[in-house]
Amino acid sequence: YQETLNKARGMIKALEMAEKGLE
C-alpha cells in the first residue's frame, strides 16, 4: 500500500512541475 502511495505522490509532483512549466 505504501509503495502505491509513493508512486501516486511522485505522479502528483510531476504534474505540479509540468503545470509550473506551462505557466
N, C-alpha and C. Protein backbone atom coordinates (compact mmCIF):
# COMPACT_ATOMS: atom_id res chain seq x y z
N TYR A 1 0.85 -1.21 0.00
CA TYR A 1 0.00 0.00 0.00
C TYR A 1 0.88 1.25 0.00
N GLN A 2 1.91 1.23 0.85
CA GLN A 2 2.79 2.40 0.92
C GLN A 2 3.48 2.66 -0.41
N GLU A 3 3.86 1.57 -1.09
CA GLU A 3 4.55 1.73 -2.38
C GLU A 3 3.65 2.41 -3.40
N THR A 4 2.37 2.02 -3.42
CA THR A 4 1.41 2.63 -4.34
C THR A 4 1.24 4.11 -4.01
N LEU A 5 1.20 4.42 -2.71
CA LEU A 5 1.02 5.80 -2.28
C LEU A 5 2.21 6.65 -2.72
N ASN A 6 3.41 6.10 -2.60
CA ASN A 6 4.61 6.84 -3.02
C ASN A 6 4.59 7.09 -4.52
N LYS A 7 4.14 6.11 -5.29
CA LYS A 7 4.08 6.28 -6.75
C LYS A 7 3.07 7.38 -7.10
N ALA A 8 1.93 7.39 -6.39
CA ALA A 8 0.91 8.40 -6.65
C ALA A 8 1.46 9.78 -6.32
N ARG A 9 2.18 9.88 -5.22
CA ARG A 9 2.76 11.19 -4.84
C ARG A 9 3.76 11.65 -5.88
N GLY A 10 4.53 10.71 -6.41
CA GLY A 10 5.51 11.06 -7.43
C GLY A 10 4.84 11.58 -8.68
N MET A 11 3.72 10.97 -9.05
CA MET A 11 2.99 11.41 -10.24
C MET A 11 2.41 12.80 -10.01
N ILE A 12 1.89 13.04 -8.79
CA ILE A 12 1.32 14.35 -8.47
C ILE A 12 2.40 15.42 -8.54
N LYS A 13 3.58 15.11 -8.00
CA LYS A 13 4.68 16.09 -8.05
C LYS A 13 5.06 16.39 -9.49
N ALA A 14 5.09 15.35 -10.32
CA ALA A 14 5.45 15.53 -11.73
C ALA A 14 4.42 16.41 -12.42
N LEU A 15 3.14 16.20 -12.10
CA LEU A 15 2.09 17.01 -12.71
C LEU A 15 2.19 18.46 -12.26
N GLU A 16 2.50 18.67 -10.99
CA GLU A 16 2.64 20.04 -10.47
C GLU A 16 3.81 20.74 -11.16
N MET A 17 4.91 20.02 -11.36
CA MET A 17 6.07 20.62 -12.03
C MET A 17 5.73 20.92 -13.48
N ALA A 18 4.95 20.06 -14.12
CA ALA A 18 4.56 20.29 -15.51
C ALA A 18 3.68 21.53 -15.61
N GLU A 19 2.77 21.69 -14.65
CA GLU A 19 1.89 22.86 -14.66
C GLU A 19 2.70 24.13 -14.50
N LYS A 20 3.70 24.10 -13.63
CA LYS A 20 4.55 25.28 -13.42
C LYS A 20 5.30 25.60 -14.70
N GLY A 21 5.72 24.56 -15.43
CA GLY A 21 6.46 24.76 -16.66
C GLY A 21 5.59 25.38 -17.75
N LEU A 22 4.28 25.12 -17.68
CA LEU A 22 3.37 25.65 -18.70
C LEU A 22 3.04 27.12 -18.43
N GLU A 23 3.18 27.55 -17.18
CA GLU A 23 2.83 28.93 -16.85
C GLU A 23 3.83 29.91 -17.47
